[in-house]
Amino acid sequence: MPELDGVASEQDMELYDITVTVDRIEGRSVCGMSVGDKFHVTESSKLVVPSHFCIYALQAVLPLIPAKQRKLSAGDWMEKDQLVCCPDPDERLIMRIERGSLRSMSSADLT
């Protein structure tokens, strides 16, 4: 087991990789985004944005990512809900949060 500053590093937690995709736009696309635009969060905190993604849509969904990265009880609303709206009322841009691979990670390596 590797050590980090004298602390044993063991795989003591699991987090899902996350993909956020523009599911639909029910208004007019003011920020230039299109259905299918997406970004990924991997390895706990690595943000991969392959193309343009509006910062206002991004800020609406980012606070939900840590909860979606974790296993939740079946009755938790975050386990069931996947859709998030951009705050721009003219756009009505709807994003879908989807879980990907489940990674075993060491909390000592992250903090």
PDB file of N, CA and C in Angstrom:
ATOM      1  N   MET A   1       0.855  -1.177   0.000  1.00  0.00           N
ATOM      2  CA  MET A   1       0.000   0.000   0.000  1.00  0.00           C
ATOM      3  C   MET A   1       0.898   1.236   0.000  1.00  0.00           C
ATOM      4  N   PRO A   2       0.777   2.132  -0.996  1.00  0.00           N
ATOM      5  CA  PRO A   2       1.610   3.336  -1.046  1.00  0.00           C
ATOM      6  C   PRO A   2       1.288   4.302   0.094  1.00  0.00           C
ATOM      7  N   GLU A   3       2.278   5.132   0.413  1.00  0.00           N
ATOM      8  CA  GLU A   3       2.060   6.113   1.468  1.00  0.00           C
ATOM      9  C   GLU A   3       2.167   7.520   0.913  1.00  0.00           C
ATOM     10  N   LEU A   4       1.379   8.414   1.476  1.00  0.00           N
ATOM     11  CA  LEU A   4       1.393   9.822   1.110  1.00  0.00           C
ATOM     12  C   LEU A   4       1.586  10.608   2.397  1.00  0.00           C
ATOM     13  N   ASP A   5       2.767  11.213   2.574  1.00  0.00           N
ATOM     14  CA  ASP A   5       3.101  11.954   3.796  1.00  0.00           C
ATOM     15  C   ASP A   5       2.896  11.099   5.038  1.00  0.00           C
ATOM     16  N   GLY A   6       3.315   9.832   4.972  1.00  0.00           N
ATOM     17  CA  GLY A   6       3.220   8.958   6.133  1.00  0.00           C
ATOM     18  C   GLY A   6       1.846   8.353   6.350  1.00  0.00           C
ATOM     19  N   VAL A   7       0.880   8.656   5.490  1.00  0.00           N
ATOM     20  CA  VAL A   7      -0.468   8.121   5.629  1.00  0.00           C
ATOM     21  C   VAL A   7      -0.656   7.024   4.587  1.00  0.00           C
ATOM     22  N   ALA A   8      -1.104   5.866   5.029  1.00  0.00           N
ATOM     23  CA  ALA A   8      -1.326   4.757   4.113  1.00  0.00           C
ATOM     24  C   ALA A   8      -2.426   5.127   3.115  1.00  0.00           C
ATOM     25  N   SER A   9      -2.165   4.832   1.849  1.00  0.00           N
ATOM     26  CA  SER A   9      -3.130   5.135   0.796  1.00  0.00           C
ATOM     27  C   SER A   9      -3.831   3.844   0.390  1.00  0.00           C
ATOM     28  N   GLU A  10      -5.101   3.715   0.769  1.00  0.00           N
ATOM     29  CA  GLU A  10      -5.868   2.536   0.398  1.00  0.00           C
ATOM     30  C   GLU A  10      -7.137   2.961  -0.314  1.00  0.00           C
ATOM     31  N   GLN A  11      -7.667   2.078  -1.100  1.00  0.00           N
ATOM     32  CA  GLN A  11      -8.890   2.355  -1.841  1.00  0.00           C
ATOM     33  C   GLN A  11     -10.065   2.280  -0.858  1.00  0.00           C
ATOM     34  N   ASP A  12     -10.447   3.416  -0.293  1.00  0.00           N
ATOM     35  CA  ASP A  12     -11.458   3.423   0.759  1.00  0.00           C
ATOM     36  C   ASP A  12     -12.765   4.114   0.362  1.00  0.00           C
ATOM     37  N   MET A  13     -12.894   4.458  -0.925  1.00  0.00           N
ATOM     38  CA  MET A  13     -14.136   5.097  -1.370  1.00  0.00           C
ATOM     39  C   MET A  13     -14.351   4.819  -2.855  1.00  0.00           C
ATOM     40  N   GLU A  14     -15.602   4.985  -3.278  1.00  0.00           N
ATOM     41  CA  GLU A  14     -15.936   4.796  -4.680  1.00  0.00           C
ATOM     42  C   GLU A  14     -16.714   6.008  -5.168  1.00  0.00           C
ATOM     43  N   LEU A  15     -16.348   6.503  -6.349  1.00  0.00           N
ATOM     44  CA  LEU A  15     -17.029   7.638  -6.962  1.00  0.00           C
ATOM     45  C   LEU A  15     -17.316   7.317  -8.427  1.00  0.00           C
ATOM     46  N   TYR A  16     -18.478   7.756  -8.880  1.00  0.00           N
ATOM     47  CA  TYR A  16     -18.820   7.608 -10.290  1.00  0.00           C
ATOM     48  C   TYR A  16     -18.200   8.732 -11.104  1.00  0.00           C
ATOM     49  N   ASP A  17     -17.764   8.415 -12.319  1.00  0.00           N
ATOM     50  CA  ASP A  17     -17.477   9.456 -13.295  1.00  0.00           C
ATOM     51  C   ASP A  17     -18.833   9.990 -13.749  1.00  0.00           C
ATOM     52  N   ILE A  18     -18.876  11.249 -14.141  1.00  0.00           N
ATOM     53  CA  ILE A  18     -20.132  11.911 -14.482  1.00  0.00           C
ATOM     54  C   ILE A  18     -20.039  12.526 -15.880  1.00  0.00           C
ATOM     55  N   THR A  19     -21.122  12.411 -16.625  1.00  0.00           N
ATOM     56  CA  THR A  19     -21.262  13.131 -17.893  1.00  0.00           C
ATOM     57  C   THR A  19     -22.521  13.983 -17.807  1.00  0.00           C
ATOM     58  N   VAL A  20     -22.398  15.244 -18.159  1.00  0.00           N
ATOM     59  CA  VAL A  20     -23.539  16.155 -18.213  1.00  0.00           C
ATOM     60  C   VAL A  20     -23.742  16.530 -19.677  1.00  0.00           C
ATOM     61  N   THR A  21     -24.957  16.275 -20.168  1.00  0.00           N
ATOM     62  CA  THR A  21     -25.278  16.483 -21.585  1.00  0.00           C
ATOM     63  C   THR A  21     -26.488  17.393 -21.709  1.00  0.00           C
ATOM     64  N   VAL A  22     -26.446  18.305 -22.690  1.00  0.00           N
ATOM     65  CA  VAL A  22     -27.624  19.112 -22.987  1.00  0.00           C
ATOM     66  C   VAL A  22     -28.669  18.174 -23.583  1.00  0.00           C
ATOM     67  N   ASP A  23     -29.758  17.985 -22.852  1.00  0.00           N
ATOM     68  CA  ASP A  23     -30.826  17.062 -23.234  1.00  0.00           C
ATOM     69  C   ASP A  23     -31.798  17.706 -24.218  1.00  0.00           C
ATOM     70  N   ARG A  24     -32.148  18.969 -23.935  1.00  0.00           N
ATOM     71  CA  ARG A  24     -33.065  19.692 -24.820  1.00  0.00           C
ATOM     72  C   ARG A  24     -32.987  21.195 -24.531  1.00  0.00           C
ATOM     73  N   ILE A  25     -33.436  21.965 -25.499  1.00  0.00           N
ATOM     74  CA  ILE A  25     -33.528  23.413 -25.357  1.00  0.00           C
ATOM     75  C   ILE A  25     -34.958  23.777 -25.736  1.00  0.00           C
ATOM     76  N   GLU A  26     -35.718  24.229 -24.756  1.00  0.00           N
ATOM     77  CA  GLU A  26     -37.140  24.492 -24.967  1.00  0.00           C
ATOM     78  C   GLU A  26     -37.422  25.942 -25.348  1.00  0.00           C
ATOM     79  N   GLY A  27     -36.385  26.773 -25.343  1.00  0.00           N
ATOM     80  CA  GLY A  27     -36.521  28.181 -25.741  1.00  0.00           C
ATOM     81  C   GLY A  27     -35.567  28.453 -26.883  1.00  0.00           C
ATOM     82  N   ARG A  28     -34.956  29.623 -26.852  1.00  0.00           N
ATOM     83  CA  ARG A  28     -33.988  29.962 -27.898  1.00  0.00           C
ATOM     84  C   ARG A  28     -32.577  29.849 -27.328  1.00  0.00           C
ATOM     85  N   SER A  29     -31.656  29.334 -28.096  1.00  0.00           N
ATOM     86  CA  SER A  29     -30.283  29.139 -27.639  1.00  0.00           C
ATOM     87  C   SER A  29     -29.516  30.448 -27.726  1.00  0.00           C
ATOM     88  N   VAL A  30     -29.453  31.143 -26.615  1.00  0.00           N
ATOM     89  CA  VAL A  30     -28.779  32.437 -26.543  1.00  0.00           C
ATOM     90  C   VAL A  30     -27.258  32.269 -26.462  1.00  0.00           C
ATOM     91  N   CYS A  31     -26.814  31.236 -25.778  1.00  0.00           N
ATOM     92  CA  CYS A  31     -25.378  31.083 -25.516  1.00  0.00           C
ATOM     93  C   CYS A  31     -24.651  30.240 -26.547  1.00  0.00           C
ATOM     94  N   GLY A  32     -25.357  29.783 -27.570  1.00  0.00           N
ATOM     95  CA  GLY A  32     -24.699  29.024 -28.625  1.00  0.00           C
ATOM     96  C   GLY A  32     -24.549  27.546 -28.354  1.00  0.00           C
ATOM     97  N   MET A  33     -25.217  27.046 -27.335  1.00  0.00           N
ATOM     98  CA  MET A  33     -25.134  25.613 -27.048  1.00  0.00           C
ATOM     99  C   MET A  33     -26.162  24.859 -27.886  1.00  0.00           C
ATOM    100  N   SER A  34     -25.922  23.558 -28.070  1.00  0.00           N
ATOM    101  CA  SER A  34     -26.804  22.707 -28.857  1.00  0.00           C
ATOM    102  C   SER A  34     -27.103  21.431 -28.085  1.00  0.00           C
ATOM    103  N   VAL A  35     -28.201  20.794 -28.418  1.00  0.00           N
ATOM    104  CA  VAL A  35     -28.519  19.491 -27.847  1.00  0.00           C
ATOM    105  C   VAL A  35     -27.349  18.558 -28.147  1.00  0.00           C
ATOM    106  N   GLY A  36     -26.919  17.824 -27.141  1.00  0.00           N
ATOM    107  CA  GLY A  36     -25.785  16.912 -27.282  1.00  0.00           C
ATOM    108  C   GLY A  36     -24.474  17.456 -26.762  1.00  0.00           C
ATOM    109  N   ASP A  37     -24.358  18.786 -26.572  1.00  0.00           N
ATOM    110  CA  ASP A  37     -23.148  19.340 -25.975  1.00  0.00           C
ATOM    111  C   ASP A  37     -22.981  18.733 -24.588  1.00  0.00           C
ATOM    112  N   LYS A  38     -21.742  18.485 -24.184  1.00  0.00           N
ATOM    113  CA  LYS A  38     -21.524  17.809 -22.898  1.00  0.00           C
ATOM    114  C   LYS A  38     -20.189  18.161 -22.283  1.00  0.00           C
ATOM    115  N   PHE A  39     -20.065  17.790 -21.005  1.00  0.00           N
ATOM    116  CA  PHE A  39     -18.781  17.806 -20.320  1.00  0.00           C
ATOM    117  C   PHE A  39     -18.724  16.608 -19.391  1.00  0.00           C
ATOM    118  N   HIS A  40     -17.512  16.285 -18.923  1.00  0.00           N
ATOM    119  CA  HIS A  40     -17.295  15.106 -18.083  1.00  0.00           C
ATOM    120  C   HIS A  40     -16.551  15.515 -16.814  1.00  0.00           C
ATOM    121  N   VAL A  41     -16.855  14.834 -15.727  1.00  0.00           N
ATOM    122  CA  VAL A  41     -16.086  14.944 -14.488  1.00  0.00           C
ATOM    123  C   VAL A  41     -15.585  13.538 -14.181  1.00  0.00           C
ATOM    124  N   THR A  42     -14.259  13.374 -14.108  1.00  0.00           N
ATOM    125  CA  THR A  42     -13.656  12.073 -13.848  1.00  0.00           C
ATOM    126  C   THR A  42     -12.704  12.167 -12.671  1.00  0.00           C
ATOM    127  N   GLU A  43     -12.391  11.019 -12.103  1.00  0.00           N
ATOM    128  CA  GLU A  43     -11.409  10.933 -11.012  1.00  0.00           C
ATOM    129  C   GLU A  43     -11.668  11.973  -9.931  1.00  0.00           C
ATOM    130  N   SER A  44     -12.898  12.113  -9.535  1.00  0.00           N
ATOM    131  CA  SER A  44     -13.351  12.999  -8.472  1.00  0.00           C
ATOM    132  C   SER A  44     -13.490  14.456  -8.891  1.00  0.00           C
ATOM    133  N   SER A  45     -12.459  15.026  -9.550  1.00  0.00           N
ATOM    134  CA  SER A  45     -12.487  16.472  -9.763  1.00  0.00           C
ATOM    135  C   SER A  45     -11.936  16.947 -11.100  1.00  0.00           C
ATOM    136  N   LYS A  46     -11.675  16.040 -12.018  1.00  0.00           N
ATOM    137  CA  LYS A  46     -11.123  16.453 -13.312  1.00  0.00           C
ATOM    138  C   LYS A  46     -12.259  16.804 -14.266  1.00  0.00           C
ATOM    139  N   LEU A  47     -12.310  18.067 -14.654  1.00  0.00           N
ATOM    140  CA  LEU A  47     -13.341  18.578 -15.556  1.00  0.00           C
ATOM    141  C   LEU A  47     -12.811  18.552 -16.982  1.00  0.00           C
ATOM    142  N   VAL A  48     -13.527  17.855 -17.868  1.00  0.00           N
ATOM    143  CA  VAL A  48     -13.151  17.760 -19.271  1.00  0.00           C
ATOM    144  C   VAL A  48     -14.286  18.365 -20.091  1.00  0.00           C
ATOM    145  N   VAL A  49     -13.995  19.468 -20.763  1.00  0.00           N
ATOM    146  CA  VAL A  49     -14.994  20.158 -21.573  1.00  0.00           C
ATOM    147  C   VAL A  49     -14.517  20.082 -23.019  1.00  0.00           C
ATOM    148  N   PRO A  50     -15.072  19.133 -23.809  1.00  0.00           N
ATOM    149  CA  PRO A  50     -14.580  18.955 -25.170  1.00  0.00           C
ATOM    150  C   PRO A  50     -14.914  20.097 -26.124  1.00  0.00           C
ATOM    151  N   SER A  51     -15.926  20.885 -25.820  1.00  0.00           N
ATOM    152  CA  SER A  51     -16.281  22.017 -26.678  1.00  0.00           C
ATOM    153  C   SER A  51     -16.901  23.105 -25.810  1.00  0.00           C
ATOM    154  N   HIS A  52     -17.402  24.135 -26.431  1.00  0.00           N
ATOM    155  CA  HIS A  52     -18.027  25.253 -25.710  1.00  0.00           C
ATOM    156  C   HIS A  52     -19.104  24.741 -24.747  1.00  0.00           C
ATOM    157  N   PHE A  53     -19.107  25.268 -23.527  1.00  0.00           N
ATOM    158  CA  PHE A  53     -20.189  24.997 -22.573  1.00  0.00           C
ATOM    159  C   PHE A  53     -20.401  26.284 -21.779  1.00  0.00           C
ATOM    160  N   CYS A  54     -21.603  26.787 -21.784  1.00  0.00           N
ATOM    161  CA  CYS A  54     -21.935  28.069 -21.153  1.00  0.00           C
ATOM    162  C   CYS A  54     -21.608  28.042 -19.657  1.00  0.00           C
ATOM    163  N   ILE A  55     -20.939  29.079 -19.165  1.00  0.00           N
ATOM    164  CA  ILE A  55     -20.563  29.101 -17.749  1.00  0.00           C
ATOM    165  C   ILE A  55     -21.783  29.185 -16.834  1.00  0.00           C
ATOM    166  N   TYR A  56     -22.881  29.735 -17.291  1.00  0.00           N
ATOM    167  CA  TYR A  56     -24.072  29.844 -16.451  1.00  0.00           C
ATOM    168  C   TYR A  56     -24.782  28.494 -16.336  1.00  0.00           C
ATOM    169  N   ALA A  57     -24.798  27.741 -17.416  1.00  0.00           N
ATOM    170  CA  ALA A  57     -25.332  26.376 -17.352  1.00  0.00           C
ATOM    171  C   ALA A  57     -24.415  25.520 -16.479  1.00  0.00           C
ATOM    172  N   LEU A  58     -23.125  25.690 -16.639  1.00  0.00           N
ATOM    173  CA  LEU A  58     -22.141  24.951 -15.848  1.00  0.00           C
ATOM    174  C   LEU A  58     -22.317  25.230 -14.359  1.00  0.00           C
ATOM    175  N   GLN A  59     -22.486  26.501 -13.995  1.00  0.00           N
ATOM    176  CA  GLN A  59     -22.626  26.834 -12.570  1.00  0.00           C
ATOM    177  C   GLN A  59     -23.921  26.298 -11.978  1.00  0.00           C
ATOM    178  N   ALA A  60     -24.929  26.078 -12.811  1.00  0.00           N
ATOM    179  CA  ALA A  60     -26.195  25.534 -12.314  1.00  0.00           C
ATOM    180  C   ALA A  60     -26.063  24.063 -11.947  1.00  0.00           C
ATOM    181  N   VAL A  61     -25.240  23.330 -12.664  1.00  0.00           N
ATOM    182  CA  VAL A  61     -25.149  21.887 -12.453  1.00  0.00           C
ATOM    183  C   VAL A  61     -23.998  21.478 -11.528  1.00  0.00           C
ATOM    184  N   LEU A  62     -22.929  22.256 -11.449  1.00  0.00           N
ATOM    185  CA  LEU A  62     -21.759  21.860 -10.648  1.00  0.00           C
ATOM    186  C   LEU A  62     -22.062  21.530  -9.185  1.00  0.00           C
ATOM    187  N   PRO A  63     -22.927  22.276  -8.492  1.00  0.00           N
ATOM    188  CA  PRO A  63     -23.175  21.927  -7.079  1.00  0.00           C
ATOM    189  C   PRO A  63     -23.800  20.536  -6.880  1.00  0.00           C
ATOM    190  N   LEU A  64     -24.404  19.974  -7.913  1.00  0.00           N
ATOM    191  CA  LEU A  64     -25.048  18.672  -7.804  1.00  0.00           C
ATOM    192  C   LEU A  64     -24.095  17.512  -8.078  1.00  0.00           C
ATOM    193  N   ILE A  65     -22.967  17.790  -8.697  1.00  0.00           N
ATOM    194  CA  ILE A  65     -22.034  16.739  -9.113  1.00  0.00           C
ATOM    195  C   ILE A  65     -21.532  15.889  -7.936  1.00  0.00           C
ATOM    196  N   PRO A  66     -21.073  16.471  -6.814  1.00  0.00           N
ATOM    197  CA  PRO A  66     -20.577  15.618  -5.727  1.00  0.00           C
ATOM    198  C   PRO A  66     -21.603  14.599  -5.217  1.00  0.00           C
ATOM    199  N   ALA A  67     -22.863  14.975  -5.171  1.00  0.00           N
ATOM    200  CA  ALA A  67     -23.883  14.022  -4.724  1.00  0.00           C
ATOM    201  C   ALA A  67     -24.083  12.918  -5.756  1.00  0.00           C
ATOM    202  N   LYS A  68     -24.081  13.267  -7.034  1.00  0.00           N
ATOM    203  CA  LYS A  68     -24.287  12.266  -8.082  1.00  0.00           C
ATOM    204  C   LYS A  68     -23.084  11.338  -8.225  1.00  0.00           C
ATOM    205  N   GLN A  69     -21.909  11.752  -7.737  1.00  0.00           N
ATOM    206  CA  GLN A  69     -20.721  10.907  -7.802  1.00  0.00           C
ATOM    207  C   GLN A  69     -20.778   9.757  -6.800  1.00  0.00           C
ATOM    208  N   ARG A  70     -21.622   9.857  -5.808  1.00  0.00           N
ATOM    209  CA  ARG A  70     -21.668   8.877  -4.729  1.00  0.00           C
ATOM    210  C   ARG A  70     -22.861   7.945  -4.864  1.00  0.00           C
ATOM    211  N   LYS A  71     -22.711   6.750  -4.291  1.00  0.00           N
ATOM    212  CA  LYS A  71     -23.842   5.833  -4.187  1.00  0.00           C
ATOM    213  C   LYS A  71     -24.797   6.422  -3.155  1.00  0.00           C
ATOM    214  N   LEU A  72     -26.076   6.445  -3.491  1.00  0.00           N
ATOM    215  CA  LEU A  72     -27.092   7.021  -2.614  1.00  0.00           C
ATOM    216  C   LEU A  72     -28.162   5.975  -2.336  1.00  0.00           C
ATOM    217  N   SER A  73     -28.914   6.172  -1.289  1.00  0.00           N
ATOM    218  CA  SER A  73     -29.997   5.237  -0.997  1.00  0.00           C
ATOM    219  C   SER A  73     -31.071   5.341  -2.077  1.00  0.00           C
ATOM    220  N   ALA A  74     -31.767   4.244  -2.303  1.00  0.00           N
ATOM    221  CA  ALA A  74     -32.756   4.176  -3.385  1.00  0.00           C
ATOM    222  C   ALA A  74     -33.831   5.254  -3.260  1.00  0.00           C
ATOM    223  N   GLY A  75     -34.176   5.669  -2.049  1.00  0.00           N
ATOM    224  CA  GLY A  75     -35.221   6.655  -1.842  1.00  0.00           C
ATOM    225  C   GLY A  75     -34.765   8.103  -1.931  1.00  0.00           C
ATOM    226  N   ASP A  76     -33.476   8.336  -2.078  1.00  0.00           N
ATOM    227  CA  ASP A  76     -32.935   9.696  -2.137  1.00  0.00           C
ATOM    228  C   ASP A  76     -33.337  10.349  -3.459  1.00  0.00           C
ATOM    229  N   TRP A  77     -33.829  11.577  -3.413  1.00  0.00           N
ATOM    230  CA  TRP A  77     -34.264  12.254  -4.642  1.00  0.00           C
ATOM    231  C   TRP A  77     -33.121  12.442  -5.632  1.00  0.00           C
ATOM    232  N   MET A  78     -31.898  12.587  -5.124  1.00  0.00           N
ATOM    233  CA  MET A  78     -30.745  12.745  -6.018  1.00  0.00           C
ATOM    234  C   MET A  78     -30.435  11.452  -6.769  1.00  0.00           C
ATOM    235  N   GLU A  79     -30.867  10.333  -6.219  1.00  0.00           N
ATOM    236  CA  GLU A  79     -30.684   9.053  -6.901  1.00  0.00           C
ATOM    237  C   GLU A  79     -31.620   8.948  -8.105  1.00  0.00           C
ATOM    238  N   LYS A  80     -32.786   9.547  -7.981  1.00  0.00           N
ATOM    239  CA  LYS A  80     -33.818   9.441  -9.009  1.00  0.00           C
ATOM    240  C   LYS A  80     -33.747  10.553 -10.049  1.00  0.00           C
ATOM    241  N   ASP A  81     -33.491  11.769  -9.631  1.00  0.00           N
ATOM    242  CA  ASP A  81     -33.522  12.921 -10.535  1.00  0.00           C
ATOM    243  C   ASP A  81     -32.212  13.053 -11.306  1.00  0.00           C
ATOM    244  N   GLN A  82     -32.329  13.410 -12.577  1.00  0.00           N
ATOM    245  CA  GLN A  82     -31.149  13.580 -13.424  1.00  0.00           C
ATOM    246  C   GLN A  82     -31.132  14.911 -14.161  1.00  0.00           C
ATOM    247  N   LEU A  83     -32.228  15.616 -14.167  1.00  0.00           N
ATOM    248  CA  LEU A  83     -32.334  16.814 -15.005  1.00  0.00           C
ATOM    249  C   LEU A  83     -32.077  18.095 -14.222  1.00  0.00           C
ATOM    250  N   VAL A  84     -31.390  19.039 -14.864  1.00  0.00           N
ATOM    251  CA  VAL A  84     -31.052  20.332 -14.281  1.00  0.00           C
ATOM    252  C   VAL A  84     -31.317  21.398 -15.335  1.00  0.00           C
ATOM    253  N   CYS A  85     -31.860  22.536 -14.915  1.00  0.00           N
ATOM    254  CA  CYS A  85     -32.153  23.635 -15.828  1.00  0.00           C
ATOM    255  C   CYS A  85     -31.102  24.729 -15.722  1.00  0.00           C
ATOM    256  N   CYS A  86     -30.762  25.305 -16.844  1.00  0.00           N
ATOM    257  CA  CYS A  86     -29.942  26.504 -16.876  1.00  0.00           C
ATOM    258  C   CYS A  86     -30.777  27.646 -16.296  1.00  0.00           C
ATOM    259  N   PRO A  87     -30.154  28.607 -15.627  1.00  0.00           N
ATOM    260  CA  PRO A  87     -30.930  29.699 -15.024  1.00  0.00           C
ATOM    261  C   PRO A  87     -31.496  30.724 -16.014  1.00  0.00           C
ATOM    262  N   ASP A  88     -31.124  30.668 -17.287  1.00  0.00           N
ATOM    263  CA  ASP A  88     -31.618  31.645 -18.262  1.00  0.00           C
ATOM    264  C   ASP A  88     -33.049  31.291 -18.662  1.00  0.00           C
ATOM    265  N   PRO A  89     -34.028  32.106 -18.289  1.00  0.00           N
ATOM    266  CA  PRO A  89     -35.429  31.766 -18.565  1.00  0.00           C
ATOM    267  C   PRO A  89     -35.794  31.789 -20.048  1.00  0.00           C
ATOM    268  N   ASP A  90     -35.046  32.515 -20.872  1.00  0.00           N
ATOM    269  CA  ASP A  90     -35.330  32.530 -22.310  1.00  0.00           C
ATOM    270  C   ASP A  90     -34.894  31.238 -22.994  1.00  0.00           C
ATOM    271  N   GLU A  91     -33.836  30.634 -22.476  1.00  0.00           N
ATOM    272  CA  GLU A  91     -33.316  29.421 -23.113  1.00  0.00           C
ATOM    273  C   GLU A  91     -34.078  28.167 -22.706  1.00  0.00           C
ATOM    274  N   ARG A  92     -34.334  28.046 -21.422  1.00  0.00           N
ATOM    275  CA  ARG A  92     -34.933  26.816 -20.883  1.00  0.00           C
ATOM    276  C   ARG A  92     -34.129  25.597 -21.350  1.00  0.00           C
ATOM    277  N   LEU A  93     -32.815  25.683 -21.148  1.00  0.00           N
ATOM    278  CA  LEU A  93     -31.891  24.618 -21.500  1.00  0.00           C
ATOM    279  C   LEU A  93     -31.915  23.566 -20.391  1.00  0.00           C
ATOM    280  N   ILE A  94     -32.142  22.323 -20.759  1.00  0.00           N
ATOM    281  CA  ILE A  94     -32.240  21.227 -19.791  1.00  0.00           C
ATOM    282  C   ILE A  94     -31.047  20.299 -19.992  1.00  0.00           C
ATOM    283  N   MET A  95     -30.333  20.023 -18.893  1.00  0.00           N
ATOM    284  CA  MET A  95     -29.169  19.136 -18.925  1.00  0.00           C
ATOM    285  C   MET A  95     -29.484  17.844 -18.180  1.00  0.00           C
ATOM    286  N   ARG A  96     -28.875  16.747 -18.635  1.00  0.00           N
ATOM    287  CA  ARG A  96     -29.031  15.441 -17.992  1.00  0.00           C
ATOM    288  C   ARG A  96     -27.699  15.037 -17.365  1.00  0.00           C
ATOM    289  N   ILE A  97     -27.736  14.662 -16.074  1.00  0.00           N
ATOM    290  CA  ILE A  97     -26.550  14.170 -15.367  1.00  0.00           C
ATOM    291  C   ILE A  97     -26.594  12.646 -15.427  1.00  0.00           C
ATOM    292  N   GLU A  98     -25.526  12.047 -15.960  1.00  0.00           N
ATOM    293  CA  GLU A  98     -25.468  10.593 -16.051  1.00  0.00           C
ATOM    294  C   GLU A  98     -24.196  10.075 -15.398  1.00  0.00           C
ATOM    295  N   ARG A  99     -24.342   8.960 -14.706  1.00  0.00           N
ATOM    296  CA  ARG A  99     -23.198   8.301 -14.098  1.00  0.00           C
ATOM    297  C   ARG A  99     -22.510   7.396 -15.109  1.00  0.00           C
ATOM    298  N   GLY A 100     -21.191   7.348 -14.984  1.00  0.00           N
ATOM    299  CA  GLY A 100     -20.395   6.460 -15.822  1.00  0.00           C
ATOM    300  C   GLY A 100     -19.758   5.385 -14.971  1.00  0.00           C
ATOM    301  N   SER A 101     -18.483   5.153 -15.187  1.00  0.00           N
ATOM    302  CA  SER A 101     -17.739   4.125 -14.456  1.00  0.00           C
ATOM    303  C   SER A 101     -17.653   4.467 -12.977  1.00  0.00           C
ATOM    304  N   LEU A 102     -17.685   3.433 -12.151  1.00  0.00           N
ATOM    305  CA  LEU A 102     -17.489   3.586 -10.712  1.00  0.00           C
ATOM    306  C   LEU A 102     -16.013   3.337 -10.423  1.00  0.00           C
ATOM    307  N   ARG A 103     -15.348   4.329  -9.839  1.00  0.00           N
ATOM    308  CA  ARG A 103     -13.910   4.234  -9.564  1.00  0.00           C
ATOM    309  C   ARG A 103     -13.655   4.022  -8.076  1.00  0.00           C
ATOM    310  N   SER A 104     -12.754   3.089  -7.767  1.00  0.00           N
ATOM    311  CA  SER A 104     -12.263   2.955  -6.395  1.00  0.00           C
ATOM    312  C   SER A 104     -11.122   3.948  -6.234  1.00  0.00           C
ATOM    313  N   MET A 105     -11.197   4.729  -5.156  1.00  0.00           N
ATOM    314  CA  MET A 105     -10.210   5.779  -4.952  1.00  0.00           C
ATOM    315  C   MET A 105      -9.785   5.830  -3.484  1.00  0.00           C
ATOM    316  N   SER A 106      -8.678   6.478  -3.252  1.00  0.00           N
ATOM    317  CA  SER A 106      -8.177   6.680  -1.899  1.00  0.00           C
ATOM    318  C   SER A 106      -8.464   8.105  -1.465  1.00  0.00           C
ATOM    319  N   SER A 107      -9.176   8.258  -0.363  1.00  0.00           N
ATOM    320  CA  SER A 107      -9.456   9.605   0.129  1.00  0.00           C
ATOM    321  C   SER A 107      -8.167  10.320   0.550  1.00  0.00           C
ATOM    322  N   ALA A 108      -7.165   9.567   0.966  1.00  0.00           N
ATOM    323  CA  ALA A 108      -5.885  10.175   1.337  1.00  0.00           C
ATOM    324  C   ALA A 108      -5.190  10.816   0.139  1.00  0.00           C
ATOM    325  N   ASP A 109      -5.447  10.294  -1.049  1.00  0.00           N
ATOM    326  CA  ASP A 109      -4.845  10.842  -2.259  1.00  0.00           C
ATOM    327  C   ASP A 109      -5.543  12.124  -2.706  1.00  0.00           C
ATOM    328  N   LEU A 110      -6.762  12.356  -2.210  1.00  0.00           N
ATOM    329  CA  LEU A 110      -7.551  13.495  -2.656  1.00  0.00           C
ATOM    330  C   LEU A 110      -7.535  14.651  -1.675  1.00  0.00           C
ATOM    331  N   THR A 111      -7.218  14.412  -0.435  1.00  0.00           N
ATOM    332  CA  THR A 111      -7.268  15.479   0.564  1.00  0.00           C
ATOM    333  C   THR A 111      -5.929  15.708   1.209  1.00  0.00           C
TER     334      THR A 111
END
